[in-house]
Amino acid sequence: MNKTRGSYVLFMLSSLFFMWGLLTSLNDMLVPHLQAAFELAHWQAQLVQFFFFAAYFVISFPAG
């Protein structure tokens, strides 16, 4: 692998890391909007967070 391709791969992996972090932080902002739009109780709105992070647990077994 030449230096240019290695730099491109490194840039793409770094970008993916930051996009993943952005998506995780946007989840926090999404919960109140979902709660208002669908008239959810607080515990129901927090299920968005629960299932977002539960997906990491579920997918880790087949991915491993």
PDB file of N, CA and C in Angstrom:
ATOM      1  N   MET A   1       0.860  -1.176   0.000  1.00  0.00           N
ATOM      2  CA  MET A   1       0.000   0.000   0.000  1.00  0.00           C
ATOM      3  C   MET A   1       0.901   1.232   0.000  1.00  0.00           C
ATOM      4  N   ASN A   2       0.641   2.121  -0.938  1.00  0.00           N
ATOM      5  CA  ASN A   2       1.490   3.313  -1.002  1.00  0.00           C
ATOM      6  C   ASN A   2       1.047   4.344   0.034  1.00  0.00           C
ATOM      7  N   LYS A   3       1.832   5.380   0.169  1.00  0.00           N
ATOM      8  CA  LYS A   3       1.598   6.377   1.216  1.00  0.00           C
ATOM      9  C   LYS A   3       0.288   7.130   1.014  1.00  0.00           C
ATOM     10  N   THR A   4      -0.060   7.449  -0.240  1.00  0.00           N
ATOM     11  CA  THR A   4      -1.294   8.188  -0.512  1.00  0.00           C
ATOM     12  C   THR A   4      -2.515   7.361  -0.129  1.00  0.00           C
ATOM     13  N   ARG A   5      -2.516   6.097  -0.481  1.00  0.00           N
ATOM     14  CA  ARG A   5      -3.649   5.218  -0.144  1.00  0.00           C
ATOM     15  C   ARG A   5      -3.759   5.038   1.367  1.00  0.00           C
ATOM     16  N   GLY A   6      -2.645   4.906   2.047  1.00  0.00           N
ATOM     17  CA  GLY A   6      -2.652   4.770   3.501  1.00  0.00           C
ATOM     18  C   GLY A   6      -3.209   6.006   4.174  1.00  0.00           C
ATOM     19  N   SER A   7      -2.864   7.166   3.649  1.00  0.00           N
ATOM     20  CA  SER A   7      -3.394   8.413   4.205  1.00  0.00           C
ATOM     21  C   SER A   7      -4.903   8.510   3.986  1.00  0.00           C
ATOM     22  N   TYR A   8      -5.350   8.049   2.822  1.00  0.00           N
ATOM     23  CA  TYR A   8      -6.781   8.073   2.506  1.00  0.00           C
ATOM     24  C   TYR A   8      -7.556   7.153   3.456  1.00  0.00           C
ATOM     25  N   VAL A   9      -7.037   5.967   3.685  1.00  0.00           N
ATOM     26  CA  VAL A   9      -7.694   5.023   4.591  1.00  0.00           C
ATOM     27  C   VAL A   9      -7.727   5.585   6.006  1.00  0.00           C
ATOM     28  N   LEU A  10      -6.643   6.169   6.447  1.00  0.00           N
ATOM     29  CA  LEU A  10      -6.592   6.774   7.773  1.00  0.00           C
ATOM     30  C   LEU A  10      -7.595   7.908   7.896  1.00  0.00           C
ATOM     31  N   PHE A  11      -7.698   8.734   6.860  1.00  0.00           N
ATOM     32  CA  PHE A  11      -8.667   9.828   6.875  1.00  0.00           C
ATOM     33  C   PHE A  11     -10.098   9.292   6.939  1.00  0.00           C
ATOM     34  N   MET A  12     -10.390   8.255   6.171  1.00  0.00           N
ATOM     35  CA  MET A  12     -11.738   7.688   6.156  1.00  0.00           C
ATOM     36  C   MET A  12     -12.097   7.071   7.508  1.00  0.00           C
ATOM     37  N   LEU A  13     -11.169   6.368   8.131  1.00  0.00           N
ATOM     38  CA  LEU A  13     -11.434   5.779   9.444  1.00  0.00           C
ATOM     39  C   LEU A  13     -11.627   6.854  10.511  1.00  0.00           C
ATOM     40  N   SER A  14     -10.836   7.904  10.445  1.00  0.00           N
ATOM     41  CA  SER A  14     -10.989   9.009  11.389  1.00  0.00           C
ATOM     42  C   SER A  14     -12.326   9.709  11.189  1.00  0.00           C
ATOM     43  N   SER A  15     -12.715   9.903   9.946  1.00  0.00           N
ATOM     44  CA  SER A  15     -14.005  10.531   9.651  1.00  0.00           C
ATOM     45  C   SER A  15     -15.160   9.671  10.153  1.00  0.00           C
ATOM     46  N   LEU A  16     -15.042   8.364   9.968  1.00  0.00           N
ATOM     47  CA  LEU A  16     -16.073   7.450  10.440  1.00  0.00           C
ATOM     48  C   LEU A  16     -16.209   7.527  11.950  1.00  0.00           C
ATOM     49  N   PHE A  17     -15.085   7.597  12.656  1.00  0.00           N
ATOM     50  CA  PHE A  17     -15.103   7.710  14.111  1.00  0.00           C
ATOM     51  C   PHE A  17     -15.851   8.968  14.555  1.00  0.00           C
ATOM     52  N   PHE A  18     -15.568  10.110  13.923  1.00  0.00           N
ATOM     53  CA  PHE A  18     -16.217  11.354  14.315  1.00  0.00           C
ATOM     54  C   PHE A  18     -17.686  11.389  13.908  1.00  0.00           C
ATOM     55  N   MET A  19     -18.032  10.786  12.776  1.00  0.00           N
ATOM     56  CA  MET A  19     -19.452  10.719  12.386  1.00  0.00           C
ATOM     57  C   MET A  19     -20.231   9.833  13.357  1.00  0.00           C
ATOM     58  N   TRP A  20     -19.608   8.763  13.816  1.00  0.00           N
ATOM     59  CA  TRP A  20     -20.238   7.868  14.776  1.00  0.00           C
ATOM     60  C   TRP A  20     -20.480   8.613  16.096  1.00  0.00           C
ATOM     61  N   GLY A  21     -19.525   9.396  16.517  1.00  0.00           N
ATOM     62  CA  GLY A  21     -19.692  10.199  17.727  1.00  0.00           C
ATOM     63  C   GLY A  21     -20.765  11.262  17.560  1.00  0.00           C
ATOM     64  N   LEU A  22     -20.841  11.859  16.381  1.00  0.00           N
ATOM     65  CA  LEU A  22     -21.879  12.849  16.123  1.00  0.00           C
ATOM     66  C   LEU A  22     -23.259  12.209  16.186  1.00  0.00           C
ATOM     67  N   LEU A  23     -23.400  11.047  15.609  1.00  0.00           N
ATOM     68  CA  LEU A  23     -24.671  10.337  15.639  1.00  0.00           C
ATOM     69  C   LEU A  23     -25.082  10.005  17.067  1.00  0.00           C
ATOM     70  N   THR A  24     -24.133   9.597  17.874  1.00  0.00           N
ATOM     71  CA  THR A  24     -24.418   9.284  19.274  1.00  0.00           C
ATOM     72  C   THR A  24     -24.864  10.522  20.037  1.00  0.00           C
ATOM     73  N   SER A  25     -24.238  11.659  19.796  1.00  0.00           N
ATOM     74  CA  SER A  25     -24.634  12.880  20.495  1.00  0.00           C
ATOM     75  C   SER A  25     -25.962  13.435  19.972  1.00  0.00           C
ATOM     76  N   LEU A  26     -26.275  13.187  18.708  1.00  0.00           N
ATOM     77  CA  LEU A  26     -27.565  13.621  18.173  1.00  0.00           C
ATOM     78  C   LEU A  26     -28.717  12.834  18.784  1.00  0.00           C
ATOM     79  N   ASN A  27     -28.442  11.645  19.253  1.00  0.00           N
ATOM     80  CA  ASN A  27     -29.462  10.850  19.922  1.00  0.00           C
ATOM     81  C   ASN A  27     -30.019  11.589  21.136  1.00  0.00           C
ATOM     82  N   ASP A  28     -29.144  12.263  21.880  1.00  0.00           N
ATOM     83  CA  ASP A  28     -29.581  13.007  23.061  1.00  0.00           C
ATOM     84  C   ASP A  28     -30.542  14.130  22.689  1.00  0.00           C
ATOM     85  N   MET A  29     -30.324  14.749  21.551  1.00  0.00           N
ATOM     86  CA  MET A  29     -31.206  15.831  21.114  1.00  0.00           C
ATOM     87  C   MET A  29     -32.502  15.304  20.511  1.00  0.00           C
ATOM     88  N   LEU A  30     -32.485  14.083  20.024  1.00  0.00           N
ATOM     89  CA  LEU A  30     -33.649  13.496  19.386  1.00  0.00           C
ATOM     90  C   LEU A  30     -34.736  13.119  20.384  1.00  0.00           C
ATOM     91  N   VAL A  31     -34.352  12.690  21.577  1.00  0.00           N
ATOM     92  CA  VAL A  31     -35.305  12.175  22.562  1.00  0.00           C
ATOM     93  C   VAL A  31     -36.398  13.192  22.916  1.00  0.00           C
ATOM     94  N   PRO A  32     -36.086  14.450  23.270  1.00  0.00           N
ATOM     95  CA  PRO A  32     -37.163  15.388  23.602  1.00  0.00           C
ATOM     96  C   PRO A  32     -38.102  15.674  22.425  1.00  0.00           C
ATOM     97  N   HIS A  33     -37.575  15.698  21.213  1.00  0.00           N
ATOM     98  CA  HIS A  33     -38.411  15.949  20.036  1.00  0.00           C
ATOM     99  C   HIS A  33     -39.358  14.782  19.781  1.00  0.00           C
ATOM    100  N   LEU A  34     -38.863  13.574  19.953  1.00  0.00           N
ATOM    101  CA  LEU A  34     -39.732  12.413  19.808  1.00  0.00           C
ATOM    102  C   LEU A  34     -40.800  12.390  20.885  1.00  0.00           C
ATOM    103  N   GLN A  35     -40.415  12.782  22.082  1.00  0.00           N
ATOM    104  CA  GLN A  35     -41.355  12.812  23.200  1.00  0.00           C
ATOM    105  C   GLN A  35     -42.490  13.797  22.926  1.00  0.00           C
ATOM    106  N   ALA A  36     -42.163  14.940  22.371  1.00  0.00           N
ATOM    107  CA  ALA A  36     -43.195  15.940  22.062  1.00  0.00           C
ATOM    108  C   ALA A  36     -44.028  15.535  20.845  1.00  0.00           C
ATOM    109  N   ALA A  37     -43.389  15.010  19.830  1.00  0.00           N
ATOM    110  CA  ALA A  37     -44.096  14.681  18.590  1.00  0.00           C
ATOM    111  C   ALA A  37     -45.066  13.516  18.767  1.00  0.00           C
ATOM    112  N   PHE A  38     -44.692  12.532  19.553  1.00  0.00           N
ATOM    113  CA  PHE A  38     -45.518  11.340  19.699  1.00  0.00           C
ATOM    114  C   PHE A  38     -46.204  11.248  21.048  1.00  0.00           C
ATOM    115  N   GLU A  39     -46.096  12.303  21.869  1.00  0.00           N
ATOM    116  CA  GLU A  39     -46.707  12.363  23.201  1.00  0.00           C
ATOM    117  C   GLU A  39     -46.339  11.127  24.029  1.00  0.00           C
ATOM    118  N   LEU A  40     -45.033  10.906  24.139  1.00  0.00           N
ATOM    119  CA  LEU A  40     -44.526   9.748  24.867  1.00  0.00           C
ATOM    120  C   LEU A  40     -44.238  10.108  26.314  1.00  0.00           C
ATOM    121  N   ALA A  41     -44.339   9.115  27.178  1.00  0.00           N
ATOM    122  CA  ALA A  41     -43.865   9.279  28.551  1.00  0.00           C
ATOM    123  C   ALA A  41     -42.340   9.298  28.515  1.00  0.00           C
ATOM    124  N   HIS A  42     -41.755   9.766  29.611  1.00  0.00           N
ATOM    125  CA  HIS A  42     -40.295   9.888  29.654  1.00  0.00           C
ATOM    126  C   HIS A  42     -39.624   8.530  29.451  1.00  0.00           C
ATOM    127  N   TRP A  43     -40.120   7.508  30.097  1.00  0.00           N
ATOM    128  CA  TRP A  43     -39.497   6.186  29.975  1.00  0.00           C
ATOM    129  C   TRP A  43     -39.608   5.646  28.552  1.00  0.00           C
ATOM    130  N   GLN A  44     -40.705   5.976  27.860  1.00  0.00           N
ATOM    131  CA  GLN A  44     -40.851   5.527  26.477  1.00  0.00           C
ATOM    132  C   GLN A  44     -39.869   6.239  25.557  1.00  0.00           C
ATOM    133  N   ALA A  45     -39.657   7.510  25.795  1.00  0.00           N
ATOM    134  CA  ALA A  45     -38.715   8.270  24.975  1.00  0.00           C
ATOM    135  C   ALA A  45     -37.282   7.796  25.212  1.00  0.00           C
ATOM    136  N   GLN A  46     -36.980   7.375  26.424  1.00  0.00           N
ATOM    137  CA  GLN A  46     -35.632   6.903  26.723  1.00  0.00           C
ATOM    138  C   GLN A  46     -35.340   5.534  26.127  1.00  0.00           C
ATOM    139  N   LEU A  47     -36.369   4.856  25.634  1.00  0.00           N
ATOM    140  CA  LEU A  47     -36.142   3.588  24.957  1.00  0.00           C
ATOM    141  C   LEU A  47     -35.325   3.779  23.675  1.00  0.00           C
ATOM    142  N   VAL A  48     -35.373   4.980  23.101  1.00  0.00           N
ATOM    143  CA  VAL A  48     -34.540   5.276  21.931  1.00  0.00           C
ATOM    144  C   VAL A  48     -33.069   5.100  22.298  1.00  0.00           C
ATOM    145  N   GLN A  49     -32.673   5.685  23.410  1.00  0.00           N
ATOM    146  CA  GLN A  49     -31.287   5.550  23.873  1.00  0.00           C
ATOM    147  C   GLN A  49     -30.961   4.095  24.209  1.00  0.00           C
ATOM    148  N   PHE A  50     -31.887   3.444  24.892  1.00  0.00           N
ATOM    149  CA  PHE A  50     -31.652   2.069  25.300  1.00  0.00           C
ATOM    150  C   PHE A  50     -31.403   1.165  24.096  1.00  0.00           C
ATOM    151  N   PHE A  51     -32.258   1.260  23.096  1.00  0.00           N
ATOM    152  CA  PHE A  51     -32.109   0.385  21.938  1.00  0.00           C
ATOM    153  C   PHE A  51     -30.919   0.774  21.057  1.00  0.00           C
ATOM    154  N   PHE A  52     -30.567   2.043  21.045  1.00  0.00           N
ATOM    155  CA  PHE A  52     -29.378   2.458  20.305  1.00  0.00           C
ATOM    156  C   PHE A  52     -28.139   1.776  20.869  1.00  0.00           C
ATOM    157  N   PHE A  53     -27.997   1.781  22.186  1.00  0.00           N
ATOM    158  CA  PHE A  53     -26.817   1.180  22.792  1.00  0.00           C
ATOM    159  C   PHE A  53     -26.949  -0.327  22.937  1.00  0.00           C
ATOM    160  N   ALA A  54     -28.166  -0.847  23.011  1.00  0.00           N
ATOM    161  CA  ALA A  54     -28.361  -2.292  23.048  1.00  0.00           C
ATOM    162  C   ALA A  54     -27.950  -2.921  21.718  1.00  0.00           C
ATOM    163  N   ALA A  55     -28.067  -2.162  20.637  1.00  0.00           N
ATOM    164  CA  ALA A  55     -27.658  -2.670  19.337  1.00  0.00           C
ATOM    165  C   ALA A  55     -26.158  -2.996  19.318  1.00  0.00           C
ATOM    166  N   TYR A  56     -25.338  -2.214  20.020  1.00  0.00           N
ATOM    167  CA  TYR A  56     -23.913  -2.527  20.121  1.00  0.00           C
ATOM    168  C   TYR A  56     -23.718  -3.903  20.761  1.00  0.00           C
ATOM    169  N   PHE A  57     -24.476  -4.171  21.815  1.00  0.00           N
ATOM    170  CA  PHE A  57     -24.372  -5.444  22.526  1.00  0.00           C
ATOM    171  C   PHE A  57     -24.815  -6.608  21.642  1.00  0.00           C
ATOM    172  N   VAL A  58     -25.922  -6.433  20.938  1.00  0.00           N
ATOM    173  CA  VAL A  58     -26.474  -7.503  20.118  1.00  0.00           C
ATOM    174  C   VAL A  58     -25.573  -7.799  18.915  1.00  0.00           C
ATOM    175  N   ILE A  59     -25.085  -6.753  18.261  1.00  0.00           N
ATOM    176  CA  ILE A  59     -24.272  -6.934  17.063  1.00  0.00           C
ATOM    177  C   ILE A  59     -22.860  -7.407  17.386  1.00  0.00           C
ATOM    178  N   SER A  60     -22.412  -7.191  18.610  1.00  0.00           N
ATOM    179  CA  SER A  60     -21.040  -7.577  18.956  1.00  0.00           C
ATOM    180  C   SER A  60     -20.820  -9.081  18.891  1.00  0.00           C
ATOM    181  N   PHE A  61     -21.850  -9.861  19.172  1.00  0.00           N
ATOM    182  CA  PHE A  61     -21.676 -11.327  19.118  1.00  0.00           C
ATOM    183  C   PHE A  61     -21.485 -11.845  17.706  1.00  0.00           C
ATOM    184  N   PRO A  62     -22.370 -11.509  16.753  1.00  0.00           N
ATOM    185  CA  PRO A  62     -22.105 -11.992  15.395  1.00  0.00           C
ATOM    186  C   PRO A  62     -20.863 -11.354  14.767  1.00  0.00           C
ATOM    187  N   ALA A  63     -20.561 -10.123  15.130  1.00  0.00           N
ATOM    188  CA  ALA A  63     -19.392  -9.454  14.552  1.00  0.00           C
ATOM    189  C   ALA A  63     -18.093 -10.056  15.098  1.00  0.00           C
ATOM    190  N   GLY A  64     -18.159 -10.564  16.322  1.00  0.00           N
ATOM    191  CA  GLY A  64     -16.958 -11.123  16.944  1.00  0.00           C
ATOM    192  C   GLY A  64     -16.676 -12.490  16.402  1.00  0.00           C
TER     193      GLY A  64
END
